[in-house]
């Protein structure tokens, strides 16, 4: 009887500890795939300036061309944990926007002036490849802190067509034209440095935070990016989770050419819902 009581006492203590301190989740997944959709509020503009000052114009896509400020985006992200503290991720998204409006103000494009009242069709398509390496300098079963380095690669094409009264560069009067076209392409690979944190609130409920920033000049391209993301997810099974996130993103890219200086700026704030598959 004297031996049984200490055993029962120890058993009760173990049970109470298990209830008070749930089993910690391990950040040990090898492969992970996130598939989600965003609803974001955009603010974007593009400008073209000549070095001699003869061309100086800026187009605000929301105010001047009538792009919707709210946009839906699809996002796919894959992550591979190469070793216990080393991860590699690739994110892809396509930002596609278009509008058809009758302008209420004059717009300057490629040295030409499109008069108010003209019919203008515009589209901007941007492919984004976000490649990132993460190193976990602090790792415990319920907490993982890391630093990251990567490349945010943009390939953007802007197109504008117009039909109406237009004055071309070098001409002294307006002429009705139905075939005006203008194109601008910007390809910019921009490096990024960042910090990351992941915390297991419970073994199934996780929270993450990411912050990345860089202002750098590479050859004729100057870019600045600020990216902030917070998200949470719940694993309904060992390998499947549903999550939600909030992101704030701002990018400014300037390309100094021989004749023209081109720049693209856009920013957004948005919510995302996603499905995560982890193995």
Protein backbone atom coordinates (compact mmCIF):
# COMPACT_ATOMS: atom_id res chain seq x y z
CA UNK A 1 0.00 0.00 0.00
CA UNK A 2 2.87 2.34 0.80
CA UNK A 3 4.35 1.73 -2.66
CA UNK A 4 1.06 2.21 -4.47
CA UNK A 5 0.42 5.69 -3.08
CA UNK A 6 3.65 7.27 -4.47
CA UNK A 7 2.94 5.70 -7.87
CA UNK A 8 -0.60 7.12 -7.92
CA UNK A 9 0.71 10.51 -6.81
CA UNK A 10 3.28 10.57 -9.63
CA UNK A 11 0.66 9.50 -12.17
CA UNK A 12 -1.66 12.34 -11.11
CA UNK A 13 1.21 14.83 -11.39
CA UNK A 14 2.04 13.63 -14.93
CA UNK A 15 -1.61 13.89 -16.01
CA UNK A 16 -1.88 17.43 -14.63
CA UNK A 17 1.30 18.45 -16.45
CA UNK A 18 0.01 17.08 -19.74
CA UNK A 19 -3.24 19.01 -19.33
CA UNK A 20 -1.48 22.23 -18.34
CA UNK A 21 1.32 21.98 -20.92
CA UNK A 22 0.04 20.61 -24.26
CA UNK A 23 2.39 18.73 -26.51
CA UNK A 24 4.44 21.19 -28.58
CA UNK A 25 4.32 21.20 -32.37
CA UNK A 26 7.52 20.52 -34.27
CA UNK A 27 8.49 22.79 -37.19
CA UNK A 28 9.84 19.86 -39.16
CA UNK A 29 7.76 19.74 -42.38
CA UNK A 30 9.85 18.91 -45.45
CA UNK A 31 7.48 20.09 -48.18
CA UNK A 32 4.72 22.68 -48.00
CA UNK A 33 2.34 24.09 -50.62
CA UNK A 34 0.14 27.14 -50.04
CA UNK A 35 -2.69 27.97 -52.45
CA UNK A 36 -4.71 31.09 -51.77
CA UNK A 37 -6.69 34.06 -52.96
CA UNK A 38 -6.27 37.73 -52.03
CA UNK A 39 -8.59 40.71 -51.97
CA UNK A 40 -6.39 43.81 -52.08
CA UNK A 41 -6.72 47.58 -52.36
CA UNK A 42 -4.26 48.96 -54.94
CA UNK A 43 -2.61 52.31 -55.54
CA UNK A 44 -0.38 52.38 -58.62
CA UNK A 45 1.18 54.69 -61.19
CA UNK A 46 3.73 54.69 -63.96
CA UNK A 47 5.93 57.51 -65.24
CA UNK A 48 8.23 58.14 -68.21
CA UNK A 49 10.74 60.99 -68.18
CA UNK A 50 13.42 61.92 -70.70
CA UNK A 51 16.89 62.95 -69.57
CA UNK A 52 16.68 66.24 -71.48
CA UNK A 53 13.41 67.17 -69.78
CA UNK A 54 11.33 67.18 -72.97
CA UNK A 55 9.16 64.32 -71.70
CA UNK A 56 7.82 64.44 -68.16
CA UNK A 57 4.61 62.60 -67.46
CA UNK A 58 2.97 60.39 -64.87
CA UNK A 59 -0.11 58.22 -65.21
CA UNK A 60 -2.15 57.27 -62.17
CA UNK A 61 -3.89 54.01 -63.06
CA UNK A 62 -6.80 54.49 -60.66
CA UNK A 63 -7.51 58.21 -61.15
CA UNK A 64 -6.45 58.77 -64.78
CA UNK A 65 -7.38 55.49 -66.48
CA UNK A 66 -10.13 54.14 -64.27
CA UNK A 67 -8.58 50.96 -62.89
CA UNK A 68 -10.53 49.47 -60.00
CA UNK A 69 -8.66 49.98 -56.76
CA UNK A 70 -9.85 46.64 -55.38
CA UNK A 71 -8.46 43.52 -57.00
CA UNK A 72 -8.56 39.74 -56.53
CA UNK A 73 -5.28 37.82 -56.86
CA UNK A 74 -4.37 34.16 -56.85
CA UNK A 75 -1.14 33.12 -55.10
CA UNK A 76 0.83 29.87 -55.12
CA UNK A 77 3.80 29.29 -52.80
CA UNK A 78 5.98 26.21 -52.36
CA UNK A 79 8.49 25.66 -49.54
CA UNK A 80 11.20 23.00 -49.18
CA UNK A 81 12.98 22.45 -45.85
CA UNK A 82 16.38 21.30 -47.10
CA UNK A 83 17.70 20.75 -43.58
CA UNK A 84 16.55 21.36 -40.02
CA UNK A 85 17.32 25.10 -40.12
CA UNK A 86 17.34 25.77 -43.87
CA UNK A 87 14.34 26.48 -46.12
CA UNK A 88 13.85 27.54 -49.73
CA UNK A 89 10.57 29.01 -51.03
CA UNK A 90 9.13 30.16 -54.35
CA UNK A 91 6.00 32.30 -54.66
CA UNK A 92 4.23 33.18 -57.91
CA UNK A 93 1.40 35.58 -58.54
CA UNK A 94 0.06 37.42 -61.57
CA UNK A 95 -1.29 40.95 -61.25
CA UNK A 96 -3.55 41.75 -64.19
CA UNK A 97 -5.57 44.93 -64.48
CA UNK A 98 -7.52 46.49 -67.36
CA UNK A 99 -9.99 49.28 -68.02
CA UNK A 100 -11.89 51.02 -70.82
CA UNK A 101 -12.88 54.62 -70.11
CA UNK A 102 -13.70 57.93 -71.69
CA UNK A 103 -11.14 60.30 -70.22
CA UNK A 104 -12.18 63.41 -68.33
CA UNK A 105 -8.66 64.92 -68.38
CA UNK A 106 -5.82 65.17 -70.90
CA UNK A 107 -3.27 62.35 -70.62
CA UNK A 108 0.33 62.46 -71.87
CA UNK A 109 1.76 59.19 -73.21
CA UNK A 110 4.99 58.73 -75.21
CA UNK A 111 5.15 62.44 -76.04
CA UNK A 112 1.56 62.45 -77.29
CA UNK A 113 -1.34 64.23 -75.63
CA UNK A 114 -4.64 62.33 -75.50
CA UNK A 115 -7.38 64.90 -75.12
CA UNK A 116 -10.22 64.67 -72.66
CA UNK A 117 -13.18 62.85 -74.16
CA UNK A 118 -11.07 60.23 -75.95
CA UNK A 119 -11.76 56.54 -75.55
CA UNK A 120 -8.81 54.88 -73.77
CA UNK A 121 -8.17 51.20 -73.19
CA UNK A 122 -5.39 50.26 -70.79
CA UNK A 123 -3.94 47.09 -69.30
CA UNK A 124 -1.06 46.23 -67.02
CA UNK A 125 0.10 42.66 -66.54
CA UNK A 126 2.83 41.85 -64.00
CA UNK A 127 4.32 38.41 -63.34
CA UNK A 128 5.93 38.16 -59.90
CA UNK A 129 8.40 35.46 -58.87
CA UNK A 130 9.47 35.73 -55.22
CA UNK A 131 12.43 33.42 -54.44
CA UNK A 132 13.56 33.29 -50.81
CA UNK A 133 16.09 31.44 -48.66
CA UNK A 134 15.43 31.29 -44.90
CA UNK A 135 17.81 30.35 -42.12
CA UNK A 136 16.40 29.58 -38.65
CA UNK A 137 18.90 30.97 -36.15
CA UNK A 138 16.62 30.03 -33.22
CA UNK A 139 14.51 26.87 -33.32
CA UNK A 140 12.43 25.18 -30.63
CA UNK A 141 9.41 22.87 -30.90
CA UNK A 142 7.00 25.82 -30.49
CA UNK A 143 9.06 28.73 -31.87
CA UNK A 144 11.15 29.34 -34.98
CA UNK A 145 12.95 32.64 -35.67
CA UNK A 146 14.75 33.20 -38.96
CA UNK A 147 16.50 35.59 -41.32
CA UNK A 148 15.97 35.55 -45.07
CA UNK A 149 17.53 36.65 -48.33
CA UNK A 150 15.90 36.45 -51.73
CA UNK A 151 14.95 38.01 -55.05
CA UNK A 152 11.64 39.66 -55.91
CA UNK A 153 11.49 39.40 -59.72
CA UNK A 154 9.00 41.59 -61.61
CA UNK A 155 8.15 41.37 -65.30
CA UNK A 156 5.61 44.09 -66.08
CA UNK A 157 4.00 45.16 -69.37
CA UNK A 158 1.78 48.25 -69.63
CA UNK A 159 -0.30 48.87 -72.77
CA UNK A 160 -2.45 51.88 -73.67
CA UNK A 161 -4.66 52.28 -76.76
CA UNK A 162 -6.71 55.35 -77.59
CA UNK A 163 -9.24 56.66 -80.06
CA UNK A 164 -10.04 60.36 -80.19
CA UNK A 165 -8.42 63.76 -80.51
CA UNK A 166 -4.67 63.23 -80.08
CA UNK A 167 -1.67 65.50 -80.60
CA UNK A 168 1.46 63.50 -81.40
CA UNK A 169 4.93 64.59 -80.37
CA UNK A 170 6.30 67.22 -82.75
CA UNK A 171 2.91 68.15 -84.23
CA UNK A 172 1.20 71.51 -83.69
CA UNK A 173 -2.47 70.49 -83.83
CA UNK A 174 -4.84 67.79 -82.65
CA UNK A 175 -5.87 65.05 -85.07
CA UNK A 176 -8.54 62.40 -84.65
CA UNK A 177 -6.86 58.99 -84.45
CA UNK A 178 -8.32 55.57 -83.84
CA UNK A 179 -5.10 53.53 -83.73
CA UNK A 180 -2.93 55.12 -81.04
CA UNK A 181 -0.85 52.55 -79.10
CA UNK A 182 1.85 52.77 -76.44
CA UNK A 183 3.78 50.03 -74.63
CA UNK A 184 6.21 49.98 -71.73
CA UNK A 185 7.97 46.90 -70.34
CA UNK A 186 9.87 46.79 -67.06
CA UNK A 187 11.90 43.76 -65.92
CA UNK A 188 13.41 44.15 -62.46
CA UNK A 189 15.06 41.50 -60.25
CA UNK A 190 15.26 43.09 -56.79
CA UNK A 191 17.06 41.51 -53.81
CA UNK A 192 15.34 41.40 -50.42
CA UNK A 193 16.43 40.84 -46.81
CA UNK A 194 14.03 39.97 -44.02
CA UNK A 195 13.06 38.51 -40.66
CA UNK A 196 10.53 35.77 -39.91
CA UNK A 197 8.87 34.28 -36.85
CA UNK A 198 6.60 31.25 -36.40
CA UNK A 199 4.90 30.30 -33.14
CA UNK A 200 2.80 27.25 -32.25
CA UNK A 201 -0.05 28.49 -30.07
CA UNK A 202 -1.16 24.84 -29.91
CA UNK A 203 0.10 21.86 -31.92
CA UNK A 204 -2.60 22.59 -34.53
CA UNK A 205 -2.84 26.39 -34.35
CA UNK A 206 0.13 28.34 -35.73
CA UNK A 207 0.94 32.03 -36.14
CA UNK A 208 3.53 33.59 -38.48
CA UNK A 209 4.99 37.06 -39.10
CA UNK A 210 7.31 38.23 -41.90
CA UNK A 211 9.02 41.56 -42.56
CA UNK A 212 11.23 42.28 -45.59
CA UNK A 213 12.85 45.45 -46.88
CA UNK A 214 15.58 46.65 -49.21
CA UNK A 215 16.53 49.78 -51.11
CA UNK A 216 19.18 48.97 -53.70
CA UNK A 217 20.61 50.01 -57.06
CA UNK A 218 21.77 47.37 -59.54
CA UNK A 219 23.19 48.65 -62.83
CA UNK A 220 20.47 50.96 -64.23
CA UNK A 221 17.68 49.76 -61.90
CA UNK A 222 16.87 51.25 -58.51
CA UNK A 223 14.25 49.50 -56.42
CA UNK A 224 12.69 49.78 -52.99
CA UNK A 225 10.39 47.20 -51.44
CA UNK A 226 8.67 46.98 -48.07
CA UNK A 227 6.65 43.85 -47.30
CA UNK A 228 4.84 43.06 -44.03
CA UNK A 229 2.74 39.91 -43.51
CA UNK A 230 1.00 38.40 -40.47
CA UNK A 231 -0.96 35.18 -40.73
CA UNK A 232 -2.48 32.37 -38.75
CA UNK A 233 -3.51 28.83 -39.70
CA UNK A 234 -5.18 25.80 -38.17
CA UNK A 235 -4.31 22.20 -39.11
CA UNK A 236 -7.47 20.12 -39.24
CA UNK A 237 -5.39 17.05 -40.03
CA UNK A 238 -1.68 16.35 -39.77
CA UNK A 239 -1.10 17.58 -43.32
CA UNK A 240 -3.95 20.01 -44.18
CA UNK A 241 -4.58 23.49 -42.80
CA UNK A 242 -6.73 26.53 -43.53
CA UNK A 243 -5.30 29.96 -42.91
CA UNK A 244 -5.82 33.71 -43.19
CA UNK A 245 -3.32 36.54 -43.53
CA UNK A 246 -3.03 40.31 -43.78
CA UNK A 247 -0.36 41.87 -46.01
CA UNK A 248 0.94 45.38 -46.62
CA UNK A 249 3.18 45.78 -49.65
CA UNK A 250 4.87 48.72 -51.34
CA UNK A 251 7.27 48.65 -54.30
CA UNK A 252 8.95 51.39 -56.33
CA UNK A 253 11.16 50.56 -59.33
CA UNK A 254 13.09 53.04 -61.50
CA UNK A 255 15.03 52.16 -64.64
CA UNK A 256 17.50 54.75 -65.95
CA UNK A 257 17.84 54.21 -69.69
CA UNK A 258 20.04 56.03 -72.17
CA UNK A 259 17.17 58.30 -73.25
CA UNK A 260 14.25 57.64 -70.90
CA UNK A 261 13.84 57.14 -67.17
CA UNK A 262 10.97 54.71 -66.55
CA UNK A 263 9.39 54.01 -63.19
CA UNK A 264 6.60 51.88 -61.79
CA UNK A 265 5.10 52.27 -58.33
CA UNK A 266 2.38 50.30 -56.68
CA UNK A 267 1.26 49.34 -53.24
CA UNK A 268 -1.55 47.38 -51.71
CA UNK A 269 -3.08 46.23 -48.46
CA UNK A 270 -5.13 43.07 -48.45
CA UNK A 271 -6.53 39.95 -46.85
CA UNK A 272 -5.81 36.41 -47.99
CA UNK A 273 -7.44 33.04 -47.33
CA UNK A 274 -5.39 29.98 -48.22
CA UNK A 275 -5.11 26.22 -48.08
CA UNK A 276 -1.83 24.74 -46.81
CA UNK A 277 -0.61 21.23 -47.58
CA UNK A 278 2.33 20.13 -45.44
CA UNK A 279 4.34 16.93 -45.39
